[in-house]
Amino acid sequence: MSTEHARIAYLSFTKTAPEVYAALLAMGKAVDDSGLEKPLTELIKVRVSQINGCAFCIQYHLNVARQIGMEPVKLDLVAGWRDAGVFSAREQAALAWAECLTALATQGAPDAVYETLQSQFTETEVTFLTVAIGAINHWNRLGVGLRFSPPPPRTGSHV
């Protein structure tokens, strides 16, 4: 995709709003440092970005997921995770929570979804998973609103 599509280029955003960029990166680092599994957080970032239609973030997080060796079948089927039969109970709980928090206006955050989440995650993990979901939703709003051009796809199994 050409940069002509972008309203504001990603690199321009990082230079124009360095404090915002740094804050968003700091949120991501806090989640990474929390102990949550990186494949899990990348999975929810891909799914939330799909829901929000953020091409930049979808491609970016697919690239990261591939680099860390995430199972390709999970990346292929994340949009249909409920019927795929390849996601663990923990991944399903995280994906359901991510979808709820991404569609707050239409469905809220139902107690049943939260109770399932609590059965799979500690309170600390729930907190950081929720932060990860909030952060990717913020990135998606920037990426879609400013039309960041997607990064090039990368293949390969490890960093």
C-alpha atoms as a PDB file:
ATOM      1  CA  MET A   1       0.000   0.000   0.000  1.00  0.00           C
ATOM      2  CA  SER A   2       1.374   3.404  -0.850  1.00  0.00           C
ATOM      3  CA  THR A   3       2.016   6.168   1.638  1.00  0.00           C
ATOM      4  CA  GLU A   4      -0.229   8.363  -0.519  1.00  0.00           C
ATOM      5  CA  HIS A   5      -3.155   6.578   1.117  1.00  0.00           C
ATOM      6  CA  ALA A   6      -2.071   7.819   4.546  1.00  0.00           C
ATOM      7  CA  ARG A   7      -3.587  10.967   5.981  1.00  0.00           C
ATOM      8  CA  ILE A   8      -0.575  11.271   8.253  1.00  0.00           C
ATOM      9  CA  ALA A   9       2.334   8.865   7.884  1.00  0.00           C
ATOM     10  CA  TYR A  10       3.208   6.701  10.885  1.00  0.00           C
ATOM     11  CA  LEU A  11       6.724   8.149  11.125  1.00  0.00           C
ATOM     12  CA  SER A  12       5.328  11.659  10.940  1.00  0.00           C
ATOM     13  CA  PHE A  13       2.974  10.827  13.820  1.00  0.00           C
ATOM     14  CA  THR A  14       5.883   9.570  15.946  1.00  0.00           C
ATOM     15  CA  LYS A  15       7.780  12.819  15.324  1.00  0.00           C
ATOM     16  CA  THR A  16       4.791  15.137  15.734  1.00  0.00           C
ATOM     17  CA  ALA A  17       3.544  13.555  18.968  1.00  0.00           C
ATOM     18  CA  PRO A  18       6.615  11.968  20.580  1.00  0.00           C
ATOM     19  CA  GLU A  19       5.149  12.057  24.088  1.00  0.00           C
ATOM     20  CA  VAL A  20       2.019  10.214  22.954  1.00  0.00           C
ATOM     21  CA  TYR A  21       4.127   7.708  21.029  1.00  0.00           C
ATOM     22  CA  ALA A  22       6.354   7.153  24.081  1.00  0.00           C
ATOM     23  CA  ALA A  23       3.334   6.709  26.358  1.00  0.00           C
ATOM     24  CA  LEU A  24       1.800   4.091  24.073  1.00  0.00           C
ATOM     25  CA  LEU A  25       5.123   2.260  23.824  1.00  0.00           C
ATOM     26  CA  ALA A  26       5.422   2.372  27.623  1.00  0.00           C
ATOM     27  CA  MET A  27       1.998   0.755  27.981  1.00  0.00           C
ATOM     28  CA  GLY A  28       3.087  -2.011  25.620  1.00  0.00           C
ATOM     29  CA  LYS A  29       6.329  -2.521  27.527  1.00  0.00           C
ATOM     30  CA  ALA A  30       4.436  -2.741  30.823  1.00  0.00           C
ATOM     31  CA  VAL A  31       2.248  -5.480  29.342  1.00  0.00           C
ATOM     32  CA  ASP A  32       5.313  -7.294  27.946  1.00  0.00           C
ATOM     33  CA  ASP A  33       7.008  -7.061  31.358  1.00  0.00           C
ATOM     34  CA  SER A  34       3.892  -8.292  33.203  1.00  0.00           C
ATOM     35  CA  GLY A  35       4.512 -11.956  32.477  1.00  0.00           C
ATOM     36  CA  LEU A  36       1.584 -12.455  30.098  1.00  0.00           C
ATOM     37  CA  GLU A  37       2.539 -14.762  27.263  1.00  0.00           C
ATOM     38  CA  LYS A  38       3.649 -12.790  24.203  1.00  0.00           C
ATOM     39  CA  PRO A  39       1.802 -15.102  21.772  1.00  0.00           C
ATOM     40  CA  LEU A  40      -1.418 -14.462  23.712  1.00  0.00           C
ATOM     41  CA  THR A  41      -1.054 -10.689  23.681  1.00  0.00           C
ATOM     42  CA  GLU A  42      -0.190 -10.696  19.979  1.00  0.00           C
ATOM     43  CA  LEU A  43      -3.226 -12.870  19.280  1.00  0.00           C
ATOM     44  CA  ILE A  44      -5.566 -10.397  20.949  1.00  0.00           C
ATOM     45  CA  LYS A  45      -3.868  -7.483  19.180  1.00  0.00           C
ATOM     46  CA  VAL A  46      -4.475  -9.136  15.817  1.00  0.00           C
ATOM     47  CA  ARG A  47      -8.111  -9.892  16.662  1.00  0.00           C
ATOM     48  CA  VAL A  48      -8.909  -6.412  17.981  1.00  0.00           C
ATOM     49  CA  SER A  49      -7.222  -4.864  14.952  1.00  0.00           C
ATOM     50  CA  GLN A  50      -9.329  -7.068  12.663  1.00  0.00           C
ATOM     51  CA  ILE A  51     -12.510  -5.915  14.386  1.00  0.00           C
ATOM     52  CA  ASN A  52     -11.461  -2.276  14.110  1.00  0.00           C
ATOM     53  CA  GLY A  53     -10.274  -2.645  10.511  1.00  0.00           C
ATOM     54  CA  CYS A  54      -6.781  -1.303  11.196  1.00  0.00           C
ATOM     55  CA  ALA A  55      -4.633  -2.588   8.328  1.00  0.00           C
ATOM     56  CA  PHE A  56      -1.457  -1.108   9.840  1.00  0.00           C
ATOM     57  CA  CYS A  57      -1.931  -2.881  13.180  1.00  0.00           C
ATOM     58  CA  ILE A  58      -3.123  -6.153  11.643  1.00  0.00           C
ATOM     59  CA  GLN A  59       0.011  -6.401   9.508  1.00  0.00           C
ATOM     60  CA  TYR A  60       2.310  -5.132  12.262  1.00  0.00           C
ATOM     61  CA  HIS A  61       1.082  -7.694  14.802  1.00  0.00           C
ATOM     62  CA  LEU A  62       0.982 -10.530  12.273  1.00  0.00           C
ATOM     63  CA  ASN A  63       4.644  -9.729  11.603  1.00  0.00           C
ATOM     64  CA  VAL A  64       5.460  -9.828  15.323  1.00  0.00           C
ATOM     65  CA  ALA A  65       3.468 -13.036  15.837  1.00  0.00           C
ATOM     66  CA  ARG A  66       5.316 -14.750  12.998  1.00  0.00           C
ATOM     67  CA  GLN A  67       8.673 -13.545  14.326  1.00  0.00           C
ATOM     68  CA  ILE A  68       8.025 -15.075  17.746  1.00  0.00           C
ATOM     69  CA  GLY A  69       7.040 -18.386  16.151  1.00  0.00           C
ATOM     70  CA  MET A  70       3.305 -18.296  16.762  1.00  0.00           C
ATOM     71  CA  GLU A  71       1.385 -21.215  15.297  1.00  0.00           C
ATOM     72  CA  PRO A  72       0.274 -20.226  11.779  1.00  0.00           C
ATOM     73  CA  VAL A  73      -3.057 -22.044  12.179  1.00  0.00           C
ATOM     74  CA  LYS A  74      -3.991 -19.716  15.047  1.00  0.00           C
ATOM     75  CA  LEU A  75      -3.163 -16.649  12.981  1.00  0.00           C
ATOM     76  CA  ASP A  76      -5.163 -18.064  10.081  1.00  0.00           C
ATOM     77  CA  LEU A  77      -8.219 -18.810  12.219  1.00  0.00           C
ATOM     78  CA  VAL A  78      -8.286 -16.011  14.801  1.00  0.00           C
ATOM     79  CA  ALA A  79     -11.209 -14.254  13.079  1.00  0.00           C
ATOM     80  CA  GLY A  80     -13.275 -17.436  13.584  1.00  0.00           C
ATOM     81  CA  TRP A  81     -11.780 -18.456  16.926  1.00  0.00           C
ATOM     82  CA  ARG A  82     -15.083 -19.600  18.467  1.00  0.00           C
ATOM     83  CA  ASP A  83     -15.499 -22.376  15.884  1.00  0.00           C
ATOM     84  CA  ALA A  84     -11.859 -23.117  15.074  1.00  0.00           C
ATOM     85  CA  GLY A  85     -11.182 -25.727  17.754  1.00  0.00           C
ATOM     86  CA  VAL A  86      -7.494 -24.772  18.014  1.00  0.00           C
ATOM     87  CA  PHE A  87      -7.565 -22.187  20.806  1.00  0.00           C
ATOM     88  CA  SER A  88      -7.035 -23.050  24.462  1.00  0.00           C
ATOM     89  CA  ALA A  89      -9.597 -22.111  27.121  1.00  0.00           C
ATOM     90  CA  ARG A  90      -7.225 -19.342  28.218  1.00  0.00           C
ATOM     91  CA  GLU A  91      -6.950 -17.951  24.672  1.00  0.00           C
ATOM     92  CA  GLN A  92     -10.721 -18.156  24.201  1.00  0.00           C
ATOM     93  CA  ALA A  93     -11.343 -16.259  27.441  1.00  0.00           C
ATOM     94  CA  ALA A  94      -8.866 -13.556  26.397  1.00  0.00           C
ATOM     95  CA  LEU A  95     -10.355 -13.270  22.909  1.00  0.00           C
ATOM     96  CA  ALA A  96     -13.898 -13.005  24.279  1.00  0.00           C
ATOM     97  CA  TRP A  97     -12.783 -10.259  26.699  1.00  0.00           C
ATOM     98  CA  ALA A  98     -10.950  -8.449  23.902  1.00  0.00           C
ATOM     99  CA  GLU A  99     -14.038  -8.521  21.688  1.00  0.00           C
ATOM    100  CA  CYS A 100     -16.254  -7.198  24.503  1.00  0.00           C
ATOM    101  CA  LEU A 101     -13.933  -4.324  25.328  1.00  0.00           C
ATOM    102  CA  THR A 102     -13.604  -3.468  21.639  1.00  0.00           C
ATOM    103  CA  ALA A 103     -17.383  -3.331  21.161  1.00  0.00           C
ATOM    104  CA  LEU A 104     -18.321  -1.618  24.423  1.00  0.00           C
ATOM    105  CA  ALA A 105     -21.028   0.522  22.860  1.00  0.00           C
ATOM    106  CA  THR A 106     -22.975  -2.480  21.584  1.00  0.00           C
ATOM    107  CA  GLN A 107     -22.393  -5.187  24.184  1.00  0.00           C
ATOM    108  CA  GLY A 108     -20.624  -3.784  27.215  1.00  0.00           C
ATOM    109  CA  ALA A 109     -18.500  -6.075  29.374  1.00  0.00           C
ATOM    110  CA  PRO A 110     -20.888  -8.813  30.547  1.00  0.00           C
ATOM    111  CA  ASP A 111     -20.346 -10.502  33.903  1.00  0.00           C
ATOM    112  CA  ALA A 112     -20.394 -13.954  32.281  1.00  0.00           C
ATOM    113  CA  VAL A 113     -17.448 -13.071  30.037  1.00  0.00           C
ATOM    114  CA  TYR A 114     -15.573 -11.599  32.997  1.00  0.00           C
ATOM    115  CA  GLU A 115     -16.246 -14.680  35.139  1.00  0.00           C
ATOM    116  CA  THR A 116     -14.822 -16.914  32.407  1.00  0.00           C
ATOM    117  CA  LEU A 117     -11.813 -14.607  32.215  1.00  0.00           C
ATOM    118  CA  GLN A 118     -11.305 -14.876  35.991  1.00  0.00           C
ATOM    119  CA  SER A 119     -11.318 -18.659  35.730  1.00  0.00           C
ATOM    120  CA  GLN A 120      -8.298 -18.527  33.410  1.00  0.00           C
ATOM    121  CA  PHE A 121      -6.309 -15.498  34.628  1.00  0.00           C
ATOM    122  CA  THR A 122      -5.126 -14.047  37.914  1.00  0.00           C
ATOM    123  CA  GLU A 123      -6.222 -10.555  38.909  1.00  0.00           C
ATOM    124  CA  THR A 124      -2.838  -9.179  37.828  1.00  0.00           C
ATOM    125  CA  GLU A 125      -3.108 -10.931  34.468  1.00  0.00           C
ATOM    126  CA  VAL A 126      -6.647  -9.613  33.976  1.00  0.00           C
ATOM    127  CA  THR A 127      -5.383  -6.112  34.675  1.00  0.00           C
ATOM    128  CA  PHE A 128      -2.553  -6.295  32.154  1.00  0.00           C
ATOM    129  CA  LEU A 129      -4.669  -8.084  29.551  1.00  0.00           C
ATOM    130  CA  THR A 130      -7.212  -5.271  29.878  1.00  0.00           C
ATOM    131  CA  VAL A 131      -4.434  -2.704  29.477  1.00  0.00           C
ATOM    132  CA  ALA A 132      -3.216  -4.522  26.348  1.00  0.00           C
ATOM    133  CA  ILE A 133      -6.721  -4.469  24.885  1.00  0.00           C
ATOM    134  CA  GLY A 134      -7.142  -0.779  25.682  1.00  0.00           C
ATOM    135  CA  ALA A 135      -3.770   0.064  24.183  1.00  0.00           C
ATOM    136  CA  ILE A 136      -4.373  -1.768  20.901  1.00  0.00           C
ATOM    137  CA  ASN A 137      -7.779  -0.119  20.606  1.00  0.00           C
ATOM    138  CA  HIS A 138      -6.047   3.240  20.992  1.00  0.00           C
ATOM    139  CA  TRP A 139      -3.446   2.337  18.361  1.00  0.00           C
ATOM    140  CA  ASN A 140      -6.264   1.194  16.048  1.00  0.00           C
ATOM    141  CA  ARG A 141      -8.020   4.527  16.357  1.00  0.00           C
ATOM    142  CA  LEU A 142      -4.816   6.298  15.427  1.00  0.00           C
ATOM    143  CA  GLY A 143      -4.057   3.882  12.584  1.00  0.00           C
ATOM    144  CA  VAL A 144      -7.552   4.003  11.090  1.00  0.00           C
ATOM    145  CA  GLY A 145      -8.133   7.702  11.685  1.00  0.00           C
ATOM    146  CA  LEU A 146      -4.789   8.774  10.275  1.00  0.00           C
ATOM    147  CA  ARG A 147      -4.705   5.902   7.743  1.00  0.00           C
ATOM    148  CA  PHE A 148      -1.250   4.644   8.592  1.00  0.00           C
ATOM    149  CA  SER A 149       0.026   2.583   5.673  1.00  0.00           C
ATOM    150  CA  PRO A 150       0.643  -1.043   6.677  1.00  0.00           C
ATOM    151  CA  PRO A 151       4.250  -2.152   7.091  1.00  0.00           C
ATOM    152  CA  PRO A 152       5.474  -4.748   4.617  1.00  0.00           C
ATOM    153  CA  PRO A 153       4.622  -8.364   5.488  1.00  0.00           C
ATOM    154  CA  ARG A 154       7.442 -10.388   6.939  1.00  0.00           C
ATOM    155  CA  THR A 155       7.876 -14.104   6.922  1.00  0.00           C
ATOM    156  CA  GLY A 156      10.187 -16.143   9.051  1.00  0.00           C
ATOM    157  CA  SER A 157       9.734 -17.981  12.267  1.00  0.00           C
ATOM    158  CA  HIS A 158      11.978 -16.177  14.725  1.00  0.00           C
ATOM    159  CA  VAL A 159      13.468 -12.797  15.504  1.00  0.00           C
END
